[in-house]
Amino acid sequence: MPFGSPGGDVQCQAMLQVFLNINVFGMAPQAAVEAPRFAGYSFPGSFEPHPYYPGRLHLESSIAHEAGDALRELGHKVFEWDDMTWLAGAVCTIVADHDNGVLHGGADPRRPAYVLGW
């Protein structure tokens, strides 16, 4: 399952969410990359000047508001992203179905991307 995304510090978070969507939750690749995402910023940023936002968590707007409210009650500083924002990464993947000899692709609509096959 090769996959990747641009996105700086959100890159690994977006990729992990897609990986889990496919390999733990059994989602099809396209559904997995289109699923709502979140990202935490409770660590110094990788890029100069290394901004640091303890407790900050961004959720795409299609994540239930009750989830954000519950996280606020736990002390997180929750912010809402627009749905399908490029800020949540843009993962593309190919999943090999060895049993059927088929490759399944997923291309994230958060940025210009597509899957082609023959």
Protein backbone atom coordinates (compact mmCIF):
# COMPACT_ATOMS: atom_id res chain seq x y z
CA MET A 1 0.00 0.00 0.00
CA PRO A 2 2.07 2.95 -1.17
CA PHE A 3 0.62 6.26 -0.03
CA GLY A 4 1.72 9.80 0.65
CA SER A 5 0.69 13.40 1.16
CA PRO A 6 2.10 16.89 1.20
CA GLY A 7 1.42 18.75 4.39
CA GLY A 8 4.38 19.45 6.64
CA ASP A 9 3.56 18.47 10.23
CA VAL A 10 0.04 17.40 9.24
CA GLN A 11 1.46 15.00 6.63
CA CYS A 12 2.13 12.09 8.99
CA GLN A 13 -1.16 12.69 10.85
CA ALA A 14 -3.21 12.57 7.63
CA MET A 15 -1.38 9.51 6.38
CA LEU A 16 -1.92 7.66 9.66
CA GLN A 17 -5.64 8.42 9.58
CA VAL A 18 -5.96 7.07 6.03
CA PHE A 19 -3.87 4.00 6.90
CA LEU A 20 -6.12 3.24 9.87
CA ASN A 21 -9.27 3.87 7.82
CA ILE A 22 -8.17 1.21 5.33
CA ASN A 23 -6.35 -1.34 7.46
CA VAL A 24 -8.28 -1.18 10.73
CA PHE A 25 -11.72 0.12 9.79
CA GLY A 26 -11.92 -1.69 6.41
CA MET A 27 -12.75 1.35 4.30
CA ALA A 28 -12.24 1.41 0.53
CA PRO A 29 -9.28 3.61 -0.50
CA GLN A 30 -11.39 6.43 -1.95
CA ALA A 31 -13.67 6.55 1.08
CA ALA A 32 -10.63 6.45 3.37
CA VAL A 33 -9.01 9.51 1.80
CA GLU A 34 -12.31 11.43 1.74
CA ALA A 35 -13.11 10.74 5.41
CA PRO A 36 -13.03 13.76 7.75
CA ARG A 37 -9.68 14.52 9.38
CA PHE A 38 -8.23 16.21 12.41
CA ALA A 39 -4.76 17.45 13.34
CA GLY A 40 -3.05 18.33 16.58
CA TYR A 41 -0.46 21.06 17.11
CA SER A 42 0.73 20.30 20.66
CA PHE A 43 4.36 20.17 19.58
CA PRO A 44 6.82 22.70 18.16
CA GLY A 45 6.40 23.01 14.41
CA SER A 46 9.10 21.56 12.19
CA PHE A 47 9.60 24.72 10.20
CA GLU A 48 11.19 27.99 11.27
CA PRO A 49 10.18 29.76 13.54
CA HIS A 50 8.84 26.49 15.08
CA PRO A 51 5.46 27.74 16.31
CA TYR A 52 4.05 25.97 19.34
CA TYR A 53 0.34 25.72 20.16
CA PRO A 54 -0.16 23.51 23.24
CA GLY A 55 -3.55 21.82 23.27
CA ARG A 56 -4.57 23.03 19.80
CA LEU A 57 -6.66 20.64 17.76
CA HIS A 58 -8.25 21.30 14.36
CA LEU A 59 -11.26 19.28 13.17
CA GLU A 60 -12.83 19.30 9.73
CA SER A 61 -16.38 20.67 9.98
CA SER A 62 -18.00 17.35 9.03
CA ILE A 63 -16.77 15.81 12.30
CA ALA A 64 -19.68 15.86 14.77
CA HIS A 65 -19.75 19.05 16.83
CA GLU A 66 -20.36 16.90 19.91
CA ALA A 67 -16.88 15.43 19.43
CA GLY A 68 -15.34 18.90 19.47
CA ASP A 69 -17.39 19.85 22.54
CA ALA A 70 -16.24 16.73 24.38
CA LEU A 71 -12.62 17.49 23.51
CA ARG A 72 -13.02 21.07 24.76
CA GLU A 73 -14.32 19.71 28.06
CA LEU A 74 -11.08 17.70 28.30
CA GLY A 75 -9.06 20.91 27.92
CA HIS A 76 -8.27 20.95 24.20
CA LYS A 77 -8.38 24.20 22.25
CA VAL A 78 -10.58 23.05 19.38
CA PHE A 79 -10.77 24.93 16.09
CA GLU A 80 -12.91 24.05 13.09
CA TRP A 81 -11.54 23.75 9.58
CA ASP A 82 -13.76 23.96 6.53
CA ASP A 83 -14.77 20.54 5.27
CA MET A 84 -12.27 19.01 2.81
CA THR A 85 -9.61 21.65 3.46
CA TRP A 86 -6.17 21.24 1.94
CA LEU A 87 -4.78 22.03 5.40
CA ALA A 88 -5.71 18.46 6.42
CA GLY A 89 -3.29 16.96 3.90
CA ALA A 90 -4.06 15.35 0.57
CA VAL A 91 -3.37 11.63 0.72
CA CYS A 92 -3.26 9.47 -2.39
CA THR A 93 -2.90 5.70 -2.19
CA ILE A 94 -2.94 2.42 -4.09
CA VAL A 95 -4.09 -0.74 -2.34
CA ALA A 96 -3.22 -4.10 -3.89
CA ASP A 97 -5.95 -6.73 -3.75
CA HIS A 98 -3.77 -9.79 -4.29
CA ASP A 99 -6.69 -12.23 -4.07
CA ASN A 100 -8.41 -10.68 -7.10
CA GLY A 101 -5.38 -9.22 -8.90
CA VAL A 102 -6.78 -5.68 -8.70
CA LEU A 103 -5.23 -2.37 -7.67
CA HIS A 104 -7.61 0.06 -5.94
CA GLY A 105 -6.70 3.73 -5.82
CA GLY A 106 -7.78 6.70 -3.77
CA ALA A 107 -7.12 10.33 -4.71
CA ASP A 108 -7.82 13.08 -2.19
CA PRO A 109 -10.16 15.83 -3.44
CA ARG A 110 -8.61 18.27 -0.96
CA ARG A 111 -6.05 19.13 -3.67
CA PRO A 112 -5.95 18.43 -7.41
CA ALA A 113 -5.38 14.67 -7.66
CA TYR A 114 -6.73 11.70 -9.57
CA VAL A 115 -6.36 7.94 -9.99
CA LEU A 116 -5.91 6.31 -13.38
CA GLY A 117 -5.81 2.66 -14.30
CA TRP A 118 -6.33 0.26 -17.11
